[in-house]
Amino acid sequence: MHSTLLLALTAIAAAAPSNLAPRQQSFSASFTQYSNCGPTTACGLTGGFTAAASQNLFGVGPGAGAGPACGTCYSLSSNQPGTAPITVKITDLCPADGNPLCAQQGLSGTNSAGANVNFDLCADGGAAAAFFGSSGTTFVTGSATQVGC
């Protein structure tokens, strides 16, 4: 009976969506902003503080639809004075082609700012204003840690 229960619990845990059980991944990150980021996104998700993730984190390229990072949430922080930590949900892709900040090779590669990933914060939903705050800039580096949504 115990082995049957253990088997059932193992099956339930394996079927749980990955965005509900974050792996607590942390990355060095660069942060930018973009506008016209809704209502259609690669993930089909909108609302709240949202961001496009660099292609290496998003998991698929342009035209491939929703990547595995869709719907995952990250806590973003910067050492730049005037910025404020926020949590964003990945809803879109920042494609590698033509975007040097989003063109890292794998999650251990770095972009021109020395970051493993880039988060392009949606200005329309308020994420960019909340994060960049009174810093006077729209580009900073810092860290990103996967968290529950």
Protein backbone atom coordinates (compact mmCIF):
# COMPACT_ATOMS: atom_id res chain seq x y z
CA MET A 1 0.00 0.00 0.00
CA HIS A 2 2.82 2.41 0.83
CA SER A 3 4.52 1.74 -2.49
CA THR A 4 1.24 2.42 -4.36
CA LEU A 5 0.83 5.74 -2.53
CA LEU A 6 4.44 6.68 -3.18
CA LEU A 7 4.05 5.85 -6.87
CA ALA A 8 0.88 7.97 -7.09
CA LEU A 9 2.56 10.95 -5.39
CA THR A 10 5.58 10.65 -7.67
CA ALA A 11 3.30 10.71 -10.74
CA ILE A 12 1.48 13.80 -9.45
CA ALA A 13 4.74 15.63 -8.78
CA ALA A 14 6.07 14.76 -12.24
CA ALA A 15 2.92 16.14 -13.88
CA ALA A 16 3.09 19.52 -12.07
CA PRO A 17 3.75 22.47 -14.43
CA SER A 18 7.32 23.74 -14.14
CA ASN A 19 6.22 27.37 -13.73
CA LEU A 20 4.51 26.45 -10.44
CA ALA A 21 7.62 24.81 -9.00
CA PRO A 22 10.55 27.10 -9.85
CA ARG A 23 14.03 25.67 -9.83
CA GLN A 24 15.38 28.87 -8.26
CA GLN A 25 17.65 29.58 -11.21
CA SER A 26 19.69 32.76 -10.81
CA PHE A 27 21.46 34.65 -13.57
CA SER A 28 23.45 37.79 -14.12
CA ALA A 29 21.09 39.91 -16.20
CA SER A 30 20.80 43.03 -18.28
CA PHE A 31 17.57 45.01 -18.34
CA THR A 32 16.08 47.15 -21.09
CA GLN A 33 12.57 48.31 -21.95
CA TYR A 34 10.23 48.09 -24.91
CA SER A 35 6.75 49.33 -25.75
CA ASN A 36 3.84 48.02 -27.84
CA CYS A 37 4.16 44.80 -25.83
CA GLY A 38 0.56 43.72 -25.91
CA PRO A 39 -2.08 42.54 -26.36
CA THR A 40 -0.51 39.82 -28.55
CA THR A 41 2.62 38.18 -27.14
CA ALA A 42 4.53 35.04 -28.08
CA CYS A 43 3.15 33.36 -24.95
CA GLY A 44 -0.43 34.59 -25.39
CA LEU A 45 -0.23 36.08 -21.88
CA THR A 46 -0.70 39.67 -20.70
CA GLY A 47 -1.35 41.54 -17.48
CA GLY A 48 0.76 42.61 -14.52
CA PHE A 49 4.47 43.34 -14.81
CA THR A 50 5.71 41.48 -17.87
CA ALA A 51 8.93 41.11 -19.86
CA ALA A 52 10.37 39.58 -22.98
CA ALA A 53 13.24 37.20 -22.21
CA SER A 54 16.38 36.77 -24.25
CA GLN A 55 16.13 33.86 -26.67
CA ASN A 56 18.48 31.65 -24.64
CA LEU A 57 16.13 31.84 -21.63
CA PHE A 58 12.87 31.91 -23.61
CA GLY A 59 13.80 28.58 -25.18
CA VAL A 60 12.66 28.96 -28.81
CA GLY A 61 13.28 31.39 -31.64
CA PRO A 62 10.99 33.72 -33.59
CA GLY A 63 7.92 32.12 -35.12
CA ALA A 64 8.11 29.02 -32.91
CA GLY A 65 5.34 30.16 -30.55
CA ALA A 66 5.37 29.85 -26.79
CA GLY A 67 8.73 28.88 -25.34
CA PRO A 68 9.26 26.84 -22.18
CA ALA A 69 9.88 30.05 -20.18
CA CYS A 70 6.36 31.35 -20.90
CA GLY A 71 4.53 32.14 -17.69
CA THR A 72 7.57 31.77 -15.43
CA CYS A 73 8.33 34.60 -13.01
CA TYR A 74 11.61 36.25 -12.06
CA SER A 75 12.60 38.63 -9.31
CA LEU A 76 14.78 41.32 -10.88
CA SER A 77 17.21 43.56 -9.03
CA SER A 78 19.87 46.07 -9.96
CA ASN A 79 22.67 47.82 -8.11
CA GLN A 80 21.91 51.05 -9.96
CA PRO A 81 20.69 53.79 -7.56
CA GLY A 82 17.07 54.73 -8.16
CA THR A 83 15.96 51.31 -9.39
CA ALA A 84 13.57 49.10 -7.44
CA PRO A 85 13.35 45.27 -7.36
CA ILE A 86 10.26 43.87 -9.07
CA THR A 87 8.86 40.49 -10.12
CA VAL A 88 7.91 40.00 -13.77
CA LYS A 89 6.23 37.25 -15.75
CA ILE A 90 7.81 36.13 -19.03
CA THR A 91 5.29 36.77 -21.80
CA ASP A 92 7.39 37.41 -24.89
CA LEU A 93 10.63 36.74 -26.75
CA CYS A 94 13.57 39.09 -27.23
CA PRO A 95 15.02 37.46 -30.37
CA ALA A 96 18.77 36.97 -30.76
CA ASP A 97 18.88 38.09 -34.40
CA GLY A 98 19.61 41.81 -34.51
CA ASN A 99 19.57 42.18 -30.70
CA PRO A 100 23.09 41.85 -29.24
CA LEU A 101 21.75 42.02 -25.67
CA CYS A 102 19.51 38.99 -26.40
CA ALA A 103 22.06 36.94 -28.36
CA GLN A 104 23.84 34.93 -25.64
CA GLN A 105 24.95 31.43 -26.55
CA GLY A 106 23.30 29.18 -23.95
CA LEU A 107 22.58 30.19 -20.37
CA SER A 108 26.27 30.32 -19.45
CA GLY A 109 27.17 32.63 -22.35
CA THR A 110 27.18 36.40 -21.94
CA ASN A 111 25.95 39.34 -23.97
CA SER A 112 27.81 42.59 -24.69
CA ALA A 113 26.98 43.78 -21.13
CA GLY A 114 28.48 40.61 -19.59
CA ALA A 115 25.06 39.22 -18.60
CA ASN A 116 23.77 35.65 -19.02
CA VAL A 117 20.20 36.77 -19.88
CA ASN A 118 18.33 39.94 -20.84
CA PHE A 119 14.90 41.04 -19.69
CA ASP A 120 13.18 43.55 -21.96
CA LEU A 121 10.65 45.11 -19.55
CA CYS A 122 7.24 46.04 -20.90
CA ALA A 123 6.69 49.79 -20.65
CA ASP A 124 2.97 49.56 -21.46
CA GLY A 125 2.18 47.46 -18.36
CA GLY A 126 4.28 49.56 -15.98
CA ALA A 127 7.16 47.13 -15.41
CA ALA A 128 9.77 49.46 -16.91
CA ALA A 129 8.66 52.49 -14.87
CA ALA A 130 8.46 50.44 -11.67
CA PHE A 131 11.93 48.96 -12.16
CA PHE A 132 13.89 51.89 -13.60
CA GLY A 133 12.11 54.35 -11.29
CA SER A 134 14.06 57.55 -10.78
CA SER A 135 17.35 56.10 -12.04
CA GLY A 136 17.30 58.26 -15.18
CA THR A 137 18.24 55.30 -17.37
CA THR A 138 16.57 52.49 -19.32
CA PHE A 139 19.53 50.10 -19.31
CA VAL A 140 21.13 48.52 -16.25
CA THR A 141 22.64 45.20 -15.20
CA GLY A 142 21.95 43.15 -12.10
CA SER A 143 20.49 39.77 -11.25
CA ALA A 144 17.41 37.70 -11.96
CA THR A 145 16.14 34.81 -9.83
CA GLN A 146 13.27 32.52 -10.78
CA VAL A 147 10.43 32.69 -8.25
CA GLY A 148 6.86 31.41 -7.98
CA CYS A 149 4.27 33.55 -9.72
